[in-house]
Amino acid sequence: MEQAICADPQLGALDRQIAETYTKLLNNTGGRTADALRRAQRDFVMARNAGYGKPGYDLRLALQKRLDTLQTAAR
């Protein structure tokens, strides 16, 4: 999974944006909100890893949707 993301500049950029936005959100929240954010991120990573390589799975779309979700929460 990580090799696929790092090998593609667009995927790598999305992954970095996700990491930056997630870290920003985590640093600006606490308690149960931070716990929920951590769970959601773990769930995303697990689903991403499970879906990768399966017919019809679009890694770029999955990363973009996660970024969109995080950016919406950061507003």
C-alpha atoms as a PDB file:
ATOM      1  CA  MET A   1       0.000   0.000   0.000  1.00  0.00           C
ATOM      2  CA  GLU A   2       2.629   2.534   1.029  1.00  0.00           C
ATOM      3  CA  GLN A   3       4.720   1.714  -2.044  1.00  0.00           C
ATOM      4  CA  ALA A   4       1.743   2.358  -4.319  1.00  0.00           C
ATOM      5  CA  ILE A   5       1.088   5.719  -2.663  1.00  0.00           C
ATOM      6  CA  CYS A   6       4.740   6.788  -2.707  1.00  0.00           C
ATOM      7  CA  ALA A   7       5.211   5.693  -6.319  1.00  0.00           C
ATOM      8  CA  ASP A   8       2.483   8.040  -7.573  1.00  0.00           C
ATOM      9  CA  PRO A   9       3.054  11.779  -7.011  1.00  0.00           C
ATOM     10  CA  GLN A  10      -0.685  12.549  -6.917  1.00  0.00           C
ATOM     11  CA  LEU A  11      -1.393   9.827  -4.381  1.00  0.00           C
ATOM     12  CA  GLY A  12       1.595  10.918  -2.329  1.00  0.00           C
ATOM     13  CA  ALA A  13       0.327  14.494  -2.286  1.00  0.00           C
ATOM     14  CA  LEU A  14      -3.132  13.369  -1.168  1.00  0.00           C
ATOM     15  CA  ASP A  15      -1.601  11.202   1.541  1.00  0.00           C
ATOM     16  CA  ARG A  16       0.492  14.121   2.840  1.00  0.00           C
ATOM     17  CA  GLN A  17      -2.553  16.406   2.866  1.00  0.00           C
ATOM     18  CA  ILE A  18      -4.521  13.794   4.793  1.00  0.00           C
ATOM     19  CA  ALA A  19      -1.724  13.452   7.347  1.00  0.00           C
ATOM     20  CA  GLU A  20      -1.379  17.220   7.774  1.00  0.00           C
ATOM     21  CA  THR A  21      -5.110  17.829   8.108  1.00  0.00           C
ATOM     22  CA  TYR A  22      -5.561  14.883  10.479  1.00  0.00           C
ATOM     23  CA  THR A  23      -2.703  16.105  12.688  1.00  0.00           C
ATOM     24  CA  LYS A  24      -4.101  19.642  12.713  1.00  0.00           C
ATOM     25  CA  LEU A  25      -7.534  18.387  13.734  1.00  0.00           C
ATOM     26  CA  LEU A  26      -6.111  16.100  16.389  1.00  0.00           C
ATOM     27  CA  ASN A  27      -4.061  18.930  17.876  1.00  0.00           C
ATOM     28  CA  ASN A  28      -7.119  21.180  18.017  1.00  0.00           C
ATOM     29  CA  THR A  29      -9.450  18.697  19.687  1.00  0.00           C
ATOM     30  CA  GLY A  30      -9.456  16.693  22.838  1.00  0.00           C
ATOM     31  CA  GLY A  31     -11.300  14.086  24.805  1.00  0.00           C
ATOM     32  CA  ARG A  32     -13.988  12.116  23.060  1.00  0.00           C
ATOM     33  CA  THR A  33     -13.705  14.121  19.853  1.00  0.00           C
ATOM     34  CA  ALA A  34     -10.034  13.209  19.524  1.00  0.00           C
ATOM     35  CA  ASP A  35     -10.831   9.580  20.319  1.00  0.00           C
ATOM     36  CA  ALA A  36     -13.522   9.522  17.627  1.00  0.00           C
ATOM     37  CA  LEU A  37     -11.135  11.100  15.140  1.00  0.00           C
ATOM     38  CA  ARG A  38      -8.487   8.457  15.886  1.00  0.00           C
ATOM     39  CA  ARG A  39     -11.049   5.663  15.459  1.00  0.00           C
ATOM     40  CA  ALA A  40     -12.256   7.130  12.168  1.00  0.00           C
ATOM     41  CA  GLN A  41      -8.690   7.364  10.880  1.00  0.00           C
ATOM     42  CA  ARG A  42      -7.935   3.772  11.891  1.00  0.00           C
ATOM     43  CA  ASP A  43     -11.146   2.640  10.195  1.00  0.00           C
ATOM     44  CA  PHE A  44     -10.215   4.544   7.048  1.00  0.00           C
ATOM     45  CA  VAL A  45      -6.731   3.002   6.919  1.00  0.00           C
ATOM     46  CA  MET A  46      -8.117  -0.499   7.489  1.00  0.00           C
ATOM     47  CA  ALA A  47     -10.760  -0.068   4.763  1.00  0.00           C
ATOM     48  CA  ARG A  48      -8.189   1.445   2.389  1.00  0.00           C
ATOM     49  CA  ASN A  49      -5.801  -1.442   2.925  1.00  0.00           C
ATOM     50  CA  ALA A  50      -8.550  -4.047   2.600  1.00  0.00           C
ATOM     51  CA  GLY A  51      -9.918  -2.521  -0.599  1.00  0.00           C
ATOM     52  CA  TYR A  52      -6.645  -1.893  -2.385  1.00  0.00           C
ATOM     53  CA  GLY A  53      -6.146  -4.212  -5.334  1.00  0.00           C
ATOM     54  CA  LYS A  54      -9.737  -5.403  -5.433  1.00  0.00           C
ATOM     55  CA  PRO A  55     -11.738  -4.948  -8.626  1.00  0.00           C
ATOM     56  CA  GLY A  56     -13.470  -1.580  -8.707  1.00  0.00           C
ATOM     57  CA  TYR A  57     -11.464  -0.082  -5.839  1.00  0.00           C
ATOM     58  CA  ASP A  58     -10.206   3.405  -6.615  1.00  0.00           C
ATOM     59  CA  LEU A  59      -7.403   4.360  -4.247  1.00  0.00           C
ATOM     60  CA  ARG A  60      -7.257   7.932  -5.506  1.00  0.00           C
ATOM     61  CA  LEU A  61     -10.981   8.378  -4.904  1.00  0.00           C
ATOM     62  CA  ALA A  62     -10.742   6.851  -1.424  1.00  0.00           C
ATOM     63  CA  LEU A  63      -7.921   9.209  -0.480  1.00  0.00           C
ATOM     64  CA  GLN A  64      -9.737  12.221  -1.919  1.00  0.00           C
ATOM     65  CA  LYS A  65     -12.919  11.388  -0.011  1.00  0.00           C
ATOM     66  CA  ARG A  66     -10.991  11.049   3.247  1.00  0.00           C
ATOM     67  CA  LEU A  67      -9.256  14.369   2.654  1.00  0.00           C
ATOM     68  CA  ASP A  68     -12.594  16.022   1.890  1.00  0.00           C
ATOM     69  CA  THR A  69     -14.060  14.631   5.119  1.00  0.00           C
ATOM     70  CA  LEU A  70     -11.131  15.867   7.191  1.00  0.00           C
ATOM     71  CA  GLN A  71     -11.119  19.287   5.537  1.00  0.00           C
ATOM     72  CA  THR A  72     -14.837  19.686   6.197  1.00  0.00           C
ATOM     73  CA  ALA A  73     -14.290  18.826   9.863  1.00  0.00           C
ATOM     74  CA  ALA A  74     -11.444  21.350  10.059  1.00  0.00           C
ATOM     75  CA  ARG A  75     -13.681  24.254   9.008  1.00  0.00           C
END
